[in-house]
Amino acid sequence: MSANPVSVRWFSMTFVAATIAGLASNMIFYGERRKMFLPDEKAARAFGASFLFWTILFSIILPFLLWVFVMYRKSRAAYWLLAALTAYTLIVAPFPLFEIGLSMGRAWPVLGALSWMLQAVALYFLFRPSTRRWLAGIESEPRVDASVFE
């Protein structure tokens, strides 16, 4: 049995699922996004040919590193940075999903919306009282001595 409360496990699962959905969306539609953001050789020279790749990689690695610090180090700073980054994503993400997304087909907005919803659920579990107690190092469920049942 895991020592983490249920809300922490659900936070972890939904956050990882959101990251996987976002990564899948970026991998599947990388070519279309590259054409959109770097439409010609002049734009590619201005930003660099690998600009989009590094932007996507950074947008996956930064939240993942914050997740690692929250889950394994119980870092309060990482907790708040991850919460702020997720809240920012939840506010900003819906706009390009439907403006840009329909030009790339129907699957891109669906994957984006799935990732967005999973991030919202992860943020919900991140602020549950049991998760906050876990981060503070307070035991959320009292331990019962086995002798009670004898």
Protein backbone atom coordinates (compact mmCIF):
# COMPACT_ATOMS: atom_id res chain seq x y z
CA MET A 1 0.00 0.00 0.00
CA SER A 2 1.27 3.45 -0.90
CA ALA A 3 2.05 6.00 1.79
CA ASN A 4 0.66 8.80 -0.37
CA PRO A 5 -2.96 9.90 0.10
CA VAL A 6 -5.43 9.08 -2.65
CA SER A 7 -5.58 12.70 -3.80
CA VAL A 8 -1.79 12.74 -4.31
CA ARG A 9 -1.96 9.55 -6.37
CA TRP A 10 -4.80 10.98 -8.47
CA PHE A 11 -2.88 14.22 -8.94
CA SER A 12 0.12 12.26 -10.12
CA MET A 13 -1.86 10.06 -12.52
CA THR A 14 -3.84 12.90 -14.07
CA PHE A 15 -0.79 15.12 -14.42
CA VAL A 16 1.21 12.38 -16.15
CA ALA A 17 -1.79 11.59 -18.39
CA ALA A 18 -2.09 15.28 -19.33
CA THR A 19 1.62 15.41 -20.13
CA ILE A 20 1.35 12.28 -22.30
CA ALA A 21 -1.69 13.69 -24.15
CA GLY A 22 0.16 16.97 -24.77
CA LEU A 23 3.28 15.15 -25.93
CA ALA A 24 1.22 12.92 -28.25
CA SER A 25 -0.50 15.97 -29.72
CA ASN A 26 2.83 17.70 -30.31
CA MET A 27 4.39 14.60 -31.88
CA ILE A 28 1.44 13.84 -34.16
CA PHE A 29 1.01 17.39 -35.40
CA TYR A 30 4.64 18.55 -35.34
CA GLY A 31 4.80 18.93 -39.12
CA GLU A 32 1.65 21.03 -39.32
CA ARG A 33 2.75 23.22 -36.43
CA ARG A 34 6.17 23.70 -38.00
CA LYS A 35 4.54 24.85 -41.25
CA MET A 36 2.30 27.22 -39.31
CA PHE A 37 4.98 28.82 -37.15
CA LEU A 38 7.82 28.70 -39.70
CA PRO A 39 5.99 29.15 -43.02
CA ASP A 40 9.04 29.97 -45.12
CA GLU A 41 12.80 29.86 -45.11
CA LYS A 42 13.03 33.48 -43.93
CA ALA A 43 11.04 32.70 -40.76
CA ALA A 44 13.11 29.57 -40.16
CA ARG A 45 16.31 31.62 -40.34
CA ALA A 46 14.89 34.32 -38.05
CA PHE A 47 13.84 31.90 -35.30
CA GLY A 48 16.17 29.04 -36.04
CA ALA A 49 15.08 25.78 -37.59
CA SER A 50 14.84 24.04 -34.21
CA PHE A 51 12.94 26.82 -32.40
CA LEU A 52 9.62 24.96 -32.36
CA PHE A 53 11.26 21.71 -31.26
CA TRP A 54 13.01 23.35 -28.30
CA THR A 55 9.86 25.27 -27.35
CA ILE A 56 7.84 22.05 -27.23
CA LEU A 57 10.59 20.23 -25.35
CA PHE A 58 10.83 23.02 -22.76
CA SER A 59 7.04 23.09 -22.34
CA ILE A 60 7.12 19.36 -21.51
CA ILE A 61 10.30 19.24 -19.39
CA LEU A 62 9.61 22.22 -17.11
CA PRO A 63 6.23 20.99 -15.76
CA PHE A 64 7.62 17.46 -15.51
CA LEU A 65 10.58 18.63 -13.41
CA LEU A 66 8.22 20.61 -11.18
CA TRP A 67 6.05 17.48 -10.82
CA VAL A 68 9.13 15.48 -9.78
CA PHE A 69 10.02 18.08 -7.13
CA VAL A 70 6.46 18.10 -5.80
CA MET A 71 6.10 14.32 -5.70
CA TYR A 72 9.54 13.26 -4.48
CA ARG A 73 10.92 16.32 -2.67
CA LYS A 74 7.61 17.77 -1.41
CA SER A 75 8.88 21.18 -2.46
CA ARG A 76 6.49 24.02 -1.62
CA ALA A 77 8.15 26.30 -4.18
CA ALA A 78 7.68 23.69 -6.94
CA TYR A 79 4.08 23.19 -5.74
CA TRP A 80 3.24 26.87 -6.22
CA LEU A 81 5.21 27.20 -9.47
CA LEU A 82 3.44 24.15 -10.87
CA ALA A 83 0.07 25.50 -9.72
CA ALA A 84 0.76 28.89 -11.32
CA LEU A 85 2.02 27.34 -14.55
CA THR A 86 -1.00 25.03 -14.75
CA ALA A 87 -3.43 27.85 -13.99
CA TYR A 88 -1.79 29.98 -16.70
CA THR A 89 -2.09 27.08 -19.16
CA LEU A 90 -5.75 26.58 -18.26
CA ILE A 91 -6.46 30.26 -18.94
CA VAL A 92 -4.46 30.57 -22.17
CA ALA A 93 -4.83 27.11 -23.77
CA PRO A 94 -8.48 27.18 -24.91
CA PHE A 95 -7.96 30.10 -27.31
CA PRO A 96 -5.55 28.44 -29.77
CA LEU A 97 -7.37 25.12 -29.49
CA PHE A 98 -10.25 26.36 -31.56
CA GLU A 99 -8.66 29.22 -33.51
CA ILE A 100 -5.69 27.26 -34.83
CA GLY A 101 -6.90 23.76 -34.13
CA LEU A 102 -9.61 23.51 -36.75
CA SER A 103 -7.12 24.34 -39.48
CA MET A 104 -5.06 21.32 -38.39
CA GLY A 105 -7.97 18.87 -38.35
CA ARG A 106 -10.30 17.71 -35.64
CA ALA A 107 -7.90 15.48 -33.71
CA TRP A 108 -5.59 18.29 -32.57
CA PRO A 109 -8.28 20.22 -30.64
CA VAL A 110 -9.54 16.94 -29.16
CA LEU A 111 -6.09 15.98 -27.88
CA GLY A 112 -5.50 19.53 -26.69
CA ALA A 113 -8.85 19.63 -24.88
CA LEU A 114 -8.12 16.25 -23.29
CA SER A 115 -4.78 17.52 -22.03
CA TRP A 116 -6.43 20.75 -20.83
CA MET A 117 -9.16 18.88 -18.91
CA LEU A 118 -6.65 16.49 -17.33
CA GLN A 119 -4.57 19.48 -16.20
CA ALA A 120 -7.67 21.01 -14.62
CA VAL A 121 -8.36 17.75 -12.74
CA ALA A 122 -4.72 17.53 -11.65
CA LEU A 123 -4.88 21.09 -10.34
CA TYR A 124 -8.04 20.19 -8.41
CA PHE A 125 -6.28 17.25 -6.74
CA LEU A 126 -3.20 19.38 -6.07
CA PHE A 127 -5.28 21.65 -3.82
CA ARG A 128 -7.21 18.96 -1.95
CA PRO A 129 -6.76 19.19 1.85
CA SER A 130 -5.14 15.75 2.05
CA THR A 131 -2.56 16.77 -0.58
CA ARG A 132 -1.75 19.95 1.31
CA ARG A 133 -1.35 17.99 4.57
CA TRP A 134 0.89 15.50 2.76
CA LEU A 135 3.10 18.30 1.47
CA ALA A 136 3.31 19.78 4.97
CA GLY A 137 4.41 16.39 6.31
CA ILE A 138 1.29 15.89 8.42
CA GLU A 139 -0.02 12.35 8.48
CA SER A 140 -3.45 12.53 6.91
CA GLU A 141 -4.80 9.18 8.05
CA PRO A 142 -4.16 8.00 11.60
CA ARG A 143 -2.36 4.70 11.84
CA VAL A 144 -4.21 1.94 13.65
CA ASP A 145 -2.34 -0.52 15.81
CA ALA A 146 -2.92 -4.15 14.74
CA SER A 147 -3.54 -5.14 18.37
CA VAL A 148 -6.88 -3.30 18.27
CA PHE A 149 -8.32 -6.09 16.13
CA GLU A 150 -7.19 -8.97 18.32
